[in-house]
PDB file of N, CA and C in Angstrom:
ATOM      1  N   MET A   1     -42.496   2.839  75.875  1.00  0.00           N
ATOM      2  CA  MET A   1     -42.012   3.888  74.994  1.00  0.00           C
ATOM      3  C   MET A   1     -42.891   4.011  73.756  1.00  0.00           C
ATOM      4  N   GLY A   2     -43.461   2.900  73.309  1.00  0.00           N
ATOM      5  CA  GLY A   2     -44.314   2.914  72.130  1.00  0.00           C
ATOM      6  C   GLY A   2     -45.576   3.736  72.329  1.00  0.00           C
ATOM      7  N   TRP A   3     -46.132   3.653  73.551  1.00  0.00           N
ATOM      8  CA  TRP A   3     -47.350   4.421  73.806  1.00  0.00           C
ATOM      9  C   TRP A   3     -47.073   5.919  73.837  1.00  0.00           C
ATOM     10  N   LEU A   4     -45.838   6.308  74.295  1.00  0.00           N
ATOM     11  CA  LEU A   4     -45.452   7.718  74.330  1.00  0.00           C
ATOM     12  C   LEU A   4     -45.301   8.268  72.907  1.00  0.00           C
ATOM     13  N   THR A   5     -44.708   7.465  72.050  1.00  0.00           N
ATOM     14  CA  THR A   5     -44.549   7.861  70.652  1.00  0.00           C
ATOM     15  C   THR A   5     -45.913   8.006  69.991  1.00  0.00           C
ATOM     16  N   THR A   6     -46.805   7.104  70.276  1.00  0.00           N
ATOM     17  CA  THR A   6     -48.160   7.161  69.723  1.00  0.00           C
ATOM     18  C   THR A   6     -48.888   8.394  70.235  1.00  0.00           C
ATOM     19  N   LEU A   7     -48.733   8.710  71.512  1.00  0.00           N
ATOM     20  CA  LEU A   7     -49.375   9.875  72.111  1.00  0.00           C
ATOM     21  C   LEU A   7     -48.848  11.166  71.498  1.00  0.00           C
ATOM     22  N   VAL A   8     -47.515  11.295  71.402  1.00  0.00           N
ATOM     23  CA  VAL A   8     -46.910  12.495  70.817  1.00  0.00           C
ATOM     24  C   VAL A   8     -47.298  12.614  69.350  1.00  0.00           C
ATOM     25  N   SER A   9     -47.269  11.494  68.662  1.00  0.00           N
ATOM     26  CA  SER A   9     -47.651  11.492  67.243  1.00  0.00           C
ATOM     27  C   SER A   9     -49.115  11.882  67.092  1.00  0.00           C
ATOM     28  N   GLY A  10     -49.957  11.377  67.965  1.00  0.00           N
ATOM     29  CA  GLY A  10     -51.388  11.700  67.924  1.00  0.00           C
ATOM     30  C   GLY A  10     -51.651  13.174  68.195  1.00  0.00           C
ATOM     31  N   LEU A  11     -50.870  13.782  69.096  1.00  0.00           N
ATOM     32  CA  LEU A  11     -51.038  15.202  69.411  1.00  0.00           C
ATOM     33  C   LEU A  11     -50.422  16.099  68.341  1.00  0.00           C
ATOM     34  N   ALA A  12     -49.303  15.670  67.801  1.00  0.00           N
ATOM     35  CA  ALA A  12     -48.597  16.499  66.814  1.00  0.00           C
ATOM     36  C   ALA A  12     -49.246  16.428  65.438  1.00  0.00           C
ATOM     37  N   SER A  13     -49.849  15.314  65.118  1.00  0.00           N
ATOM     38  CA  SER A  13     -50.411  15.114  63.781  1.00  0.00           C
ATOM     39  C   SER A  13     -51.440  16.191  63.392  1.00  0.00           C
ATOM     40  N   PRO A  14     -52.416  16.528  64.263  1.00  0.00           N
ATOM     41  CA  PRO A  14     -53.364  17.574  63.875  1.00  0.00           C
ATOM     42  C   PRO A  14     -52.692  18.943  63.677  1.00  0.00           C
ATOM     43  N   VAL A  15     -51.696  19.242  64.482  1.00  0.00           N
ATOM     44  CA  VAL A  15     -50.987  20.520  64.353  1.00  0.00           C
ATOM     45  C   VAL A  15     -50.230  20.565  63.031  1.00  0.00           C
ATOM     46  N   VAL A  16     -49.533  19.490  62.720  1.00  0.00           N
ATOM     47  CA  VAL A  16     -48.790  19.411  61.459  1.00  0.00           C
ATOM     48  C   VAL A  16     -49.764  19.497  60.278  1.00  0.00           C
ATOM     49  N   ASN A  17     -50.877  18.760  60.378  1.00  0.00           N
ATOM     50  CA  ASN A  17     -51.881  18.798  59.303  1.00  0.00           C
ATOM     51  C   ASN A  17     -52.455  20.200  59.122  1.00  0.00           C
ATOM     52  N   PHE A  18     -52.678  20.894  60.241  1.00  0.00           N
ATOM     53  CA  PHE A  18     -53.203  22.254  60.167  1.00  0.00           C
ATOM     54  C   PHE A  18     -52.262  23.163  59.375  1.00  0.00           C
ATOM     55  N   PHE A  19     -50.982  23.142  59.726  1.00  0.00           N
ATOM     56  CA  PHE A  19     -50.017  24.001  59.047  1.00  0.00           C
ATOM     57  C   PHE A  19     -49.782  23.571  57.600  1.00  0.00           C
ATOM     58  N   THR A  20     -49.823  22.262  57.343  1.00  0.00           N
ATOM     59  CA  THR A  20     -49.678  21.774  55.972  1.00  0.00           C
ATOM     60  C   THR A  20     -50.847  22.250  55.117  1.00  0.00           C
ATOM     61  N   LYS A  21     -52.067  22.107  55.638  1.00  0.00           N
ATOM     62  CA  LYS A  21     -53.270  22.529  54.913  1.00  0.00           C
ATOM     63  C   LYS A  21     -53.244  24.040  54.695  1.00  0.00           C
ATOM     64  N   ARG A  22     -52.817  24.770  55.700  1.00  0.00           N
ATOM     65  CA  ARG A  22     -52.737  26.231  55.589  1.00  0.00           C
ATOM     66  C   ARG A  22     -51.755  26.629  54.484  1.00  0.00           C
ATOM     67  N   SER A  23     -50.623  25.966  54.442  1.00  0.00           N
ATOM     68  CA  SER A  23     -49.621  26.238  53.419  1.00  0.00           C
ATOM     69  C   SER A  23     -50.162  25.897  52.029  1.00  0.00           C
ATOM     70  N   GLU A  24     -50.865  24.781  51.921  1.00  0.00           N
ATOM     71  CA  GLU A  24     -51.461  24.386  50.634  1.00  0.00           C
ATOM     72  C   GLU A  24     -52.499  25.420  50.184  1.00  0.00           C
ATOM     73  N   ASN A  25     -53.308  25.913  51.121  1.00  0.00           N
ATOM     74  CA  ASN A  25     -54.316  26.926  50.783  1.00  0.00           C
ATOM     75  C   ASN A  25     -53.653  28.209  50.268  1.00  0.00           C
ATOM     76  N   LYS A  26     -52.592  28.638  50.941  1.00  0.00           N
ATOM     77  CA  LYS A  26     -51.879  29.834  50.495  1.00  0.00           C
ATOM     78  C   LYS A  26     -51.295  29.622  49.105  1.00  0.00           C
ATOM     79  N   THR A  27     -50.737  28.440  48.867  1.00  0.00           N
ATOM     80  CA  THR A  27     -50.168  28.130  47.554  1.00  0.00           C
ATOM     81  C   THR A  27     -51.256  28.149  46.488  1.00  0.00           C
ATOM     82  N   ASN A  28     -52.406  27.556  46.791  1.00  0.00           N
ATOM     83  CA  ASN A  28     -53.512  27.543  45.823  1.00  0.00           C
ATOM     84  C   ASN A  28     -54.016  28.952  45.525  1.00  0.00           C
ATOM     85  N   ILE A  29     -54.084  29.774  46.537  1.00  0.00           N
ATOM     86  CA  ILE A  29     -54.513  31.166  46.327  1.00  0.00           C
ATOM     87  C   ILE A  29     -53.528  31.883  45.422  1.00  0.00           C
ATOM     88  N   LYS A  30     -52.242  31.721  45.669  1.00  0.00           N
ATOM     89  CA  LYS A  30     -51.216  32.365  44.827  1.00  0.00           C
ATOM     90  C   LYS A  30     -51.295  31.852  43.390  1.00  0.00           C
ATOM     91  N   LEU A  31     -51.494  30.547  43.214  1.00  0.00           N
ATOM     92  CA  LEU A  31     -51.608  29.992  41.865  1.00  0.00           C
ATOM     93  C   LEU A  31     -52.827  30.554  41.130  1.00  0.00           C
ATOM     94  N   LYS A  32     -53.938  30.710  41.844  1.00  0.00           N
ATOM     95  CA  LYS A  32     -55.136  31.300  41.229  1.00  0.00           C
ATOM     96  C   LYS A  32     -54.881  32.753  40.838  1.00  0.00           C
ATOM     97  N   GLN A  33     -54.171  33.496  41.683  1.00  0.00           N
ATOM     98  CA  GLN A  33     -53.838  34.884  41.352  1.00  0.00           C
ATOM     99  C   GLN A  33     -52.949  34.945  40.121  1.00  0.00           C
ATOM    100  N   ILE A  34     -51.992  34.050  40.034  1.00  0.00           N
ATOM    101  CA  ILE A  34     -51.097  34.014  38.874  1.00  0.00           C
ATOM    102  C   ILE A  34     -51.883  33.688  37.612  1.00  0.00           C
ATOM    103  N   ASP A  35     -52.798  32.698  37.688  1.00  0.00           N
ATOM    104  CA  ASP A  35     -53.629  32.355  36.526  1.00  0.00           C
ATOM    105  C   ASP A  35     -54.495  33.533  36.101  1.00  0.00           C
ATOM    106  N   ARG A  36     -55.059  34.233  37.087  1.00  0.00           N
ATOM    107  CA  ARG A  36     -55.899  35.390  36.772  1.00  0.00           C
ATOM    108  C   ARG A  36     -55.084  36.476  36.082  1.00  0.00           C
ATOM    109  N   LEU A  37     -53.873  36.710  36.555  1.00  0.00           N
ATOM    110  CA  LEU A  37     -53.007  37.711  35.929  1.00  0.00           C
ATOM    111  C   LEU A  37     -52.628  37.298  34.512  1.00  0.00           C
ATOM    112  N   LYS A  38     -52.323  36.013  34.323  1.00  0.00           N
ATOM    113  CA  LYS A  38     -51.984  35.534  32.984  1.00  0.00           C
ATOM    114  C   LYS A  38     -53.157  35.734  32.039  1.00  0.00           C
ATOM    115  N   ASN A  39     -54.362  35.366  32.490  1.00  0.00           N
ATOM    116  CA  ASN A  39     -55.547  35.523  31.649  1.00  0.00           C
ATOM    117  C   ASN A  39     -55.836  36.991  31.371  1.00  0.00           C
ATOM    118  N   SER A  40     -55.618  37.830  32.360  1.00  0.00           N
ATOM    119  CA  SER A  40     -55.852  39.253  32.165  1.00  0.00           C
ATOM    120  C   SER A  40     -54.848  39.821  31.168  1.00  0.00           C
ATOM    121  N   ASP A  41     -53.586  39.367  31.233  1.00  0.00           N
ATOM    122  CA  ASP A  41     -52.597  39.827  30.262  1.00  0.00           C
ATOM    123  C   ASP A  41     -52.958  39.368  28.860  1.00  0.00           C
ATOM    124  N   ASP A  42     -53.451  38.127  28.728  1.00  0.00           N
ATOM    125  CA  ASP A  42     -53.868  37.632  27.418  1.00  0.00           C
ATOM    126  C   ASP A  42     -55.033  38.450  26.882  1.00  0.00           C
ATOM    127  N   SER A  43     -56.001  38.744  27.740  1.00  0.00           N
ATOM    128  CA  SER A  43     -57.155  39.539  27.318  1.00  0.00           C
ATOM    129  C   SER A  43     -56.722  40.940  26.925  1.00  0.00           C
ATOM    130  N   LEU A  44     -55.816  41.518  27.694  1.00  0.00           N
ATOM    131  CA  LEU A  44     -55.330  42.862  27.394  1.00  0.00           C
ATOM    132  C   LEU A  44     -54.587  42.883  26.062  1.00  0.00           C
ATOM    133  N   ALA A  45     -53.764  41.871  25.828  1.00  0.00           N
ATOM    134  CA  ALA A  45     -53.031  41.804  24.562  1.00  0.00           C
ATOM    135  C   ALA A  45     -53.991  41.646  23.392  1.00  0.00           C
ATOM    136  N   GLU A  46     -55.022  40.834  23.581  1.00  0.00           N
ATOM    137  CA  GLU A  46     -56.016  40.652  22.516  1.00  0.00           C
ATOM    138  C   GLU A  46     -56.771  41.956  22.256  1.00  0.00           C
ATOM    139  N   TRP A  47     -57.159  42.652  23.331  1.00  0.00           N
ATOM    140  CA  TRP A  47     -57.863  43.927  23.205  1.00  0.00           C
ATOM    141  C   TRP A  47     -56.994  44.946  22.476  1.00  0.00           C
ATOM    142  N   GLU A  48     -55.721  45.011  22.833  1.00  0.00           N
ATOM    143  CA  GLU A  48     -54.814  45.956  22.183  1.00  0.00           C
ATOM    144  C   GLU A  48     -54.636  45.628  20.711  1.00  0.00           C
ATOM    145  N   SER A  49     -54.615  44.356  20.386  1.00  0.00           N
ATOM    146  CA  SER A  49     -54.503  43.946  18.986  1.00  0.00           C
ATOM    147  C   SER A  49     -55.728  44.383  18.199  1.00  0.00           C
ATOM    148  N   ILE A  50     -56.902  44.194  18.778  1.00  0.00           N
ATOM    149  CA  ILE A  50     -58.144  44.618  18.119  1.00  0.00           C
ATOM    150  C   ILE A  50     -58.154  46.133  17.948  1.00  0.00           C
ATOM    151  N   GLN A  51     -57.754  46.861  18.986  1.00  0.00           N
ATOM    152  CA  GLN A  51     -57.736  48.319  18.904  1.00  0.00           C
ATOM    153  C   GLN A  51     -56.740  48.805  17.857  1.00  0.00           C
ATOM    154  N   ALA A  52     -55.588  48.153  17.776  1.00  0.00           N
ATOM    155  CA  ALA A  52     -54.596  48.544  16.771  1.00  0.00           C
ATOM    156  C   ALA A  52     -55.134  48.311  15.372  1.00  0.00           C
ATOM    157  N   GLU A  53     -55.831  47.197  15.191  1.00  0.00           N
ATOM    158  CA  GLU A  53     -56.422  46.900  13.877  1.00  0.00           C
ATOM    159  C   GLU A  53     -57.500  47.928  13.528  1.00  0.00           C
ATOM    160  N   ASN A  54     -58.334  48.268  14.500  1.00  0.00           N
ATOM    161  CA  ASN A  54     -59.376  49.267  14.264  1.00  0.00           C
ATOM    162  C   ASN A  54     -58.786  50.648  14.030  1.00  0.00           C
ATOM    163  N   GLY A  55     -57.676  50.940  14.674  1.00  0.00           N
ATOM    164  CA  GLY A  55     -57.037  52.246  14.548  1.00  0.00           C
ATOM    165  C   GLY A  55     -56.431  52.500  13.175  1.00  0.00           C
ATOM    166  N   ARG A  56     -56.229  51.437  12.427  1.00  0.00           N
ATOM    167  CA  ARG A  56     -55.660  51.608  11.086  1.00  0.00           C
ATOM    168  C   ARG A  56     -56.551  52.461  10.204  1.00  0.00           C
ATOM    169  N   TYR A  57     -57.858  52.409  10.443  1.00  0.00           N
ATOM    170  CA  TYR A  57     -58.810  53.128   9.596  1.00  0.00           C
ATOM    171  C   TYR A  57     -59.342  54.386  10.262  1.00  0.00           C
ATOM    172  N   SER A  58     -58.751  54.748  11.387  1.00  0.00           N
ATOM    173  CA  SER A  58     -59.194  55.925  12.124  1.00  0.00           C
ATOM    174  C   SER A  58     -58.218  57.070  11.891  1.00  0.00           C
ATOM    175  N   TRP A  59     -58.743  58.274  11.949  1.00  0.00           N
ATOM    176  CA  TRP A  59     -57.878  59.449  11.773  1.00  0.00           C
ATOM    177  C   TRP A  59     -57.857  60.323  13.023  1.00  0.00           C
ATOM    178  N   LYS A  60     -58.339  59.774  14.157  1.00  0.00           N
ATOM    179  CA  LYS A  60     -58.418  60.603  15.365  1.00  0.00           C
ATOM    180  C   LYS A  60     -57.053  61.033  15.876  1.00  0.00           C
ATOM    181  N   ASP A  61     -56.004  60.206  15.740  1.00  0.00           N
ATOM    182  CA  ASP A  61     -54.684  60.653  16.191  1.00  0.00           C
ATOM    183  C   ASP A  61     -54.143  61.755  15.285  1.00  0.00           C
ATOM    184  N   GLU A  62     -54.426  61.672  13.976  1.00  0.00           N
ATOM    185  CA  GLU A  62     -54.019  62.753  13.073  1.00  0.00           C
ATOM    186  C   GLU A  62     -54.780  64.041  13.393  1.00  0.00           C
ATOM    187  N   PHE A  63     -56.077  63.890  13.720  1.00  0.00           N
ATOM    188  CA  PHE A  63     -56.898  65.047  14.078  1.00  0.00           C
ATOM    189  C   PHE A  63     -56.303  65.765  15.285  1.00  0.00           C
ATOM    190  N   TRP A  64     -56.001  65.006  16.357  1.00  0.00           N
ATOM    191  CA  TRP A  64     -55.472  65.631  17.567  1.00  0.00           C
ATOM    192  C   TRP A  64     -54.074  66.185  17.344  1.00  0.00           C
ATOM    193  N   THR A  65     -53.302  65.566  16.476  1.00  0.00           N
ATOM    194  CA  THR A  65     -51.976  66.103  16.164  1.00  0.00           C
ATOM    195  C   THR A  65     -52.111  67.477  15.511  1.00  0.00           C
ATOM    196  N   ILE A  66     -53.050  67.598  14.587  1.00  0.00           N
ATOM    197  CA  ILE A  66     -53.276  68.893  13.918  1.00  0.00           C
ATOM    198  C   ILE A  66     -53.773  69.920  14.922  1.00  0.00           C
ATOM    199  N   ILE A  67     -54.751  69.532  15.745  1.00  0.00           N
ATOM    200  CA  ILE A  67     -55.311  70.461  16.737  1.00  0.00           C
ATOM    201  C   ILE A  67     -54.228  70.938  17.706  1.00  0.00           C
ATOM    202  N   LEU A  68     -53.387  70.021  18.158  1.00  0.00           N
ATOM    203  CA  LEU A  68     -52.333  70.398  19.099  1.00  0.00           C
ATOM    204  C   LEU A  68     -51.230  71.210  18.432  1.00  0.00           C
ATOM    205  N   ALA A  69     -51.070  71.062  17.134  1.00  0.00           N
ATOM    206  CA  ALA A  69     -50.019  71.796  16.424  1.00  0.00           C
ATOM    207  C   ALA A  69     -50.436  73.229  16.090  1.00  0.00           C
ATOM    208  N   ILE A  70     -51.717  73.490  16.040  1.00  0.00           N
ATOM    209  CA  ILE A  70     -52.175  74.844  15.662  1.00  0.00           C
ATOM    210  C   ILE A  70     -51.594  75.910  16.594  1.00  0.00           C
ATOM    211  N   PRO A  71     -51.751  75.797  17.921  1.00  0.00           N
ATOM    212  CA  PRO A  71     -51.163  76.834  18.788  1.00  0.00           C
ATOM    213  C   PRO A  71     -49.639  76.890  18.668  1.00  0.00           C
ATOM    214  N   LEU A  72     -49.022  75.739  18.460  1.00  0.00           N
ATOM    215  CA  LEU A  72     -47.569  75.699  18.307  1.00  0.00           C
ATOM    216  C   LEU A  72     -47.128  76.546  17.114  1.00  0.00           C
ATOM    217  N   VAL A  73     -47.809  76.390  16.007  1.00  0.00           N
ATOM    218  CA  VAL A  73     -47.449  77.137  14.796  1.00  0.00           C
ATOM    219  C   VAL A  73     -47.815  78.612  14.944  1.00  0.00           C
ATOM    220  N   LEU A  74     -49.030  78.864  15.458  1.00  0.00           N
ATOM    221  CA  LEU A  74     -49.495  80.261  15.539  1.00  0.00           C
ATOM    222  C   LEU A  74     -48.718  81.093  16.554  1.00  0.00           C
ATOM    223  N   CYS A  75     -48.071  80.474  17.524  1.00  0.00           N
ATOM    224  CA  CYS A  75     -47.325  81.265  18.512  1.00  0.00           C
ATOM    225  C   CYS A  75     -46.108  81.962  17.877  1.00  0.00           C
ATOM    226  N   PHE A  76     -45.735  81.575  16.665  1.00  0.00           N
ATOM    227  CA  PHE A  76     -44.634  82.240  15.968  1.00  0.00           C
ATOM    228  C   PHE A  76     -45.110  83.460  15.165  1.00  0.00           C
ATOM    229  N   PHE A  77     -46.413  83.698  15.182  1.00  0.00           N
ATOM    230  CA  PHE A  77     -46.979  84.871  14.516  1.00  0.00           C
ATOM    231  C   PHE A  77     -47.517  85.808  15.597  1.00  0.00           C
ATOM    232  N   PRO A  78     -46.832  86.916  15.839  1.00  0.00           N
ATOM    233  CA  PRO A  78     -47.187  87.804  16.960  1.00  0.00           C
ATOM    234  C   PRO A  78     -48.656  88.243  16.971  1.00  0.00           C
ATOM    235  N   ASP A  79     -49.262  88.382  15.811  1.00  0.00           N
ATOM    236  CA  ASP A  79     -50.666  88.819  15.774  1.00  0.00           C
ATOM    237  C   ASP A  79     -51.618  87.796  16.403  1.00  0.00           C
ATOM    238  N   TYR A  80     -51.213  86.552  16.492  1.00  0.00           N
ATOM    239  CA  TYR A  80     -52.093  85.486  16.979  1.00  0.00           C
ATOM    240  C   TYR A  80     -51.806  85.053  18.410  1.00  0.00           C
ATOM    241  N   VAL A  81     -50.721  85.531  18.996  1.00  0.00           N
ATOM    242  CA  VAL A  81     -50.327  85.100  20.342  1.00  0.00           C
ATOM    243  C   VAL A  81     -51.419  85.406  21.366  1.00  0.00           C
ATOM    244  N   SER A  82     -52.022  86.571  21.283  1.00  0.00           N
ATOM    245  CA  SER A  82     -53.069  86.928  22.260  1.00  0.00           C
ATOM    246  C   SER A  82     -54.270  85.984  22.138  1.00  0.00           C
ATOM    247  N   TYR A  83     -54.609  85.555  20.922  1.00  0.00           N
ATOM    248  CA  TYR A  83     -55.719  84.620  20.734  1.00  0.00           C
ATOM    249  C   TYR A  83     -55.402  83.254  21.374  1.00  0.00           C
ATOM    250  N   ILE A  84     -54.162  82.842  21.210  1.00  0.00           N
ATOM    251  CA  ILE A  84     -53.744  81.559  21.796  1.00  0.00           C
ATOM    252  C   ILE A  84     -53.804  81.639  23.313  1.00  0.00           C
ATOM    253  N   GLU A  85     -53.288  82.721  23.873  1.00  0.00           N
ATOM    254  CA  GLU A  85     -53.311  82.888  25.330  1.00  0.00           C
ATOM    255  C   GLU A  85     -54.742  82.928  25.846  1.00  0.00           C
ATOM    256  N   ASP A  86     -55.609  83.680  25.159  1.00  0.00           N
ATOM    257  CA  ASP A  86     -57.016  83.756  25.572  1.00  0.00           C
ATOM    258  C   ASP A  86     -57.690  82.375  25.508  1.00  0.00           C
ATOM    259  N   GLY A  87     -57.341  81.626  24.486  1.00  0.00           N
ATOM    260  CA  GLY A  87     -57.910  80.282  24.349  1.00  0.00           C
ATOM    261  C   GLY A  87     -57.524  79.377  25.510  1.00  0.00           C
ATOM    262  N   PHE A  88     -56.262  79.450  25.906  1.00  0.00           N
ATOM    263  CA  PHE A  88     -55.824  78.617  27.028  1.00  0.00           C
ATOM    264  C   PHE A  88     -56.427  79.083  28.353  1.00  0.00           C
ATOM    265  N   VAL A  89     -56.670  80.376  28.489  1.00  0.00           N
ATOM    266  CA  VAL A  89     -57.345  80.881  29.699  1.00  0.00           C
ATOM    267  C   VAL A  89     -58.759  80.324  29.752  1.00  0.00           C
ATOM    268  N   VAL A  90     -59.435  80.322  28.613  1.00  0.00           N
ATOM    269  CA  VAL A  90     -60.800  79.786  28.572  1.00  0.00           C
ATOM    270  C   VAL A  90     -60.791  78.286  28.875  1.00  0.00           C
ATOM    271  N   LEU A  91     -59.854  77.548  28.287  1.00  0.00           N
ATOM    272  CA  LEU A  91     -59.772  76.111  28.581  1.00  0.00           C
ATOM    273  C   LEU A  91     -59.522  75.857  30.065  1.00  0.00           C
ATOM    274  N   LYS A  92     -58.694  76.700  30.674  1.00  0.00           N
ATOM    275  CA  LYS A  92     -58.399  76.530  32.097  1.00  0.00           C
ATOM    276  C   LYS A  92     -59.630  76.809  32.959  1.00  0.00           C
ATOM    277  N   SER A  93     -60.534  77.655  32.468  1.00  0.00           N
ATOM    278  CA  SER A  93     -61.737  77.983  33.236  1.00  0.00           C
ATOM    279  C   SER A  93     -62.856  76.957  33.041  1.00  0.00           C
ATOM    280  N   MET A  94     -62.662  76.010  32.152  1.00  0.00           N
ATOM    281  CA  MET A  94     -63.674  74.970  31.929  1.00  0.00           C
ATOM    282  C   MET A  94     -63.779  74.089  33.173  1.00  0.00           C
ATOM    283  N   PRO A  95     -64.929  73.401  33.338  1.00  0.00           N
ATOM    284  CA  PRO A  95     -65.075  72.497  34.490  1.00  0.00           C
ATOM    285  C   PRO A  95     -63.986  71.411  34.482  1.00  0.00           C
ATOM    286  N   THR A  96     -63.610  70.996  35.659  1.00  0.00           N
ATOM    287  CA  THR A  96     -62.546  70.018  35.805  1.00  0.00           C
ATOM    288  C   THR A  96     -62.858  68.727  35.059  1.00  0.00           C
ATOM    289  N   PHE A  97     -64.122  68.283  35.119  1.00  0.00           N
ATOM    290  CA  PHE A  97     -64.460  67.040  34.439  1.00  0.00           C
ATOM    291  C   PHE A  97     -64.242  67.162  32.933  1.00  0.00           C
ATOM    292  N   TYR A  98     -64.521  68.344  32.368  1.00  0.00           N
ATOM    293  CA  TYR A  98     -64.317  68.546  30.931  1.00  0.00           C
ATOM    294  C   TYR A  98     -62.824  68.508  30.598  1.00  0.00           C
ATOM    295  N   GLN A  99     -62.020  69.155  31.403  1.00  0.00           N
ATOM    296  CA  GLN A  99     -60.572  69.139  31.187  1.00  0.00           C
ATOM    297  C   GLN A  99     -60.037  67.709  31.269  1.00  0.00           C
ATOM    298  N   TYR A 100     -60.522  66.968  32.248  1.00  0.00           N
ATOM    299  CA  TYR A 100     -60.076  65.584  32.422  1.00  0.00           C
ATOM    300  C   TYR A 100     -60.446  64.744  31.209  1.00  0.00           C
ATOM    301  N   TRP A 101     -61.726  64.813  30.803  1.00  0.00           N
ATOM    302  CA  TRP A 101     -62.167  63.987  29.676  1.00  0.00           C
ATOM    303  C   TRP A 101     -61.518  64.410  28.368  1.00  0.00           C
ATOM    304  N   LEU A 102     -61.240  65.663  28.199  1.00  0.00           N
ATOM    305  CA  LEU A 102     -60.522  66.113  27.015  1.00  0.00           C
ATOM    306  C   LEU A 102     -59.113  65.512  26.995  1.00  0.00           C
ATOM    307  N   GLY A 103     -58.460  65.541  28.130  1.00  0.00           N
ATOM    308  CA  GLY A 103     -57.133  64.935  28.235  1.00  0.00           C
ATOM    309  C   GLY A 103     -57.164  63.444  27.975  1.00  0.00           C
ATOM    310  N   VAL A 104     -58.166  62.758  28.525  1.00  0.00           N
ATOM    311  CA  VAL A 104     -58.299  61.318  28.305  1.00  0.00           C
ATOM    312  C   VAL A 104     -58.526  61.028  26.824  1.00  0.00           C
ATOM    313  N   ALA A 105     -59.400  61.817  26.181  1.00  0.00           N
ATOM    314  CA  ALA A 105     -59.682  61.602  24.755  1.00  0.00           C
ATOM    315  C   ALA A 105     -58.426  61.773  23.912  1.00  0.00           C
ATOM    316  N   ILE A 106     -57.661  62.785  24.214  1.00  0.00           N
ATOM    317  CA  ILE A 106     -56.438  63.036  23.438  1.00  0.00           C
ATOM    318  C   ILE A 106     -55.407  61.937  23.691  1.00  0.00           C
ATOM    319  N   LEU A 107     -55.166  61.613  24.942  1.00  0.00           N
ATOM    320  CA  LEU A 107     -54.136  60.623  25.263  1.00  0.00           C
ATOM    321  C   LEU A 107     -54.504  59.220  24.778  1.00  0.00           C
ATOM    322  N   THR A 108     -55.772  58.845  24.891  1.00  0.00           N
ATOM    323  CA  THR A 108     -56.160  57.518  24.417  1.00  0.00           C
ATOM    324  C   THR A 108     -56.103  57.420  22.902  1.00  0.00           C
ATOM    325  N   SER A 109     -56.306  58.533  22.205  1.00  0.00           N
ATOM    326  CA  SER A 109     -56.194  58.471  20.748  1.00  0.00           C
ATOM    327  C   SER A 109     -54.763  58.187  20.325  1.00  0.00           C
ATOM    328  N   PHE A 110     -53.802  58.524  21.172  1.00  0.00           N
ATOM    329  CA  PHE A 110     -52.396  58.222  20.887  1.00  0.00           C
ATOM    330  C   PHE A 110     -51.963  56.898  21.511  1.00  0.00           C
ATOM    331  N   GLY A 111     -52.900  56.182  22.142  1.00  0.00           N
ATOM    332  CA  GLY A 111     -52.584  54.857  22.680  1.00  0.00           C
ATOM    333  C   GLY A 111     -52.044  54.848  24.087  1.00  0.00           C
ATOM    334  N   ILE A 112     -52.153  55.952  24.808  1.00  0.00           N
ATOM    335  CA  ILE A 112     -51.700  55.994  26.194  1.00  0.00           C
ATOM    336  C   ILE A 112     -52.853  55.522  27.072  1.00  0.00           C
ATOM    337  N   LYS A 113     -52.597  54.521  27.939  1.00  0.00           N
ATOM    338  CA  LYS A 113     -53.644  53.898  28.715  1.00  0.00           C
ATOM    339  C   LYS A 113     -53.746  54.490  30.108  1.00  0.00           C
ATOM    340  N   PHE A 114     -54.965  54.456  30.628  1.00  0.00           N
ATOM    341  CA  PHE A 114     -55.224  54.897  31.990  1.00  0.00           C
ATOM    342  C   PHE A 114     -55.829  53.748  32.790  1.00  0.00           C
ATOM    343  N   THR A 115     -55.159  52.614  32.826  1.00  0.00           N
ATOM    344  CA  THR A 115     -55.690  51.491  33.587  1.00  0.00           C
ATOM    345  C   THR A 115     -54.933  51.331  34.874  1.00  0.00           C
ATOM    346  N   LYS A 116     -55.664  50.861  35.870  1.00  0.00           N
ATOM    347  CA  LYS A 116     -55.025  50.599  37.162  1.00  0.00           C
ATOM    348  C   LYS A 116     -54.647  49.138  37.196  1.00  0.00           C
ATOM    349  N   LYS A 117     -53.496  48.874  37.720  1.00  0.00           N
ATOM    350  CA  LYS A 117     -53.061  47.482  37.874  1.00  0.00           C
ATOM    351  C   LYS A 117     -52.893  47.179  39.322  1.00  0.00           C
TER     352      LYS A 117
END
């Protein structure tokens, strides 16, 4: 009976070791992914802190607020409505890349991010 136990143990041991090693590898991969995410969150938080500090001396969000408010205010003056409409028609006819980058510039000045996670 002892030789049978040794034989079964000898055959089962490599299979058990294979699955144990495989499980350990998966665990290590997950731990590395978690560490990478933690480090990326720390870097992102640091970057946002630097940007917030730099933004204290910038007036780009005030600039875009004024620019965006002009059509809002002028639409209440009938003499200017046609100019506003014509302006938006011209903006719509601009190349797509220009429209995209204009939108990105405005949204990022207000702190809205376009990052993929």
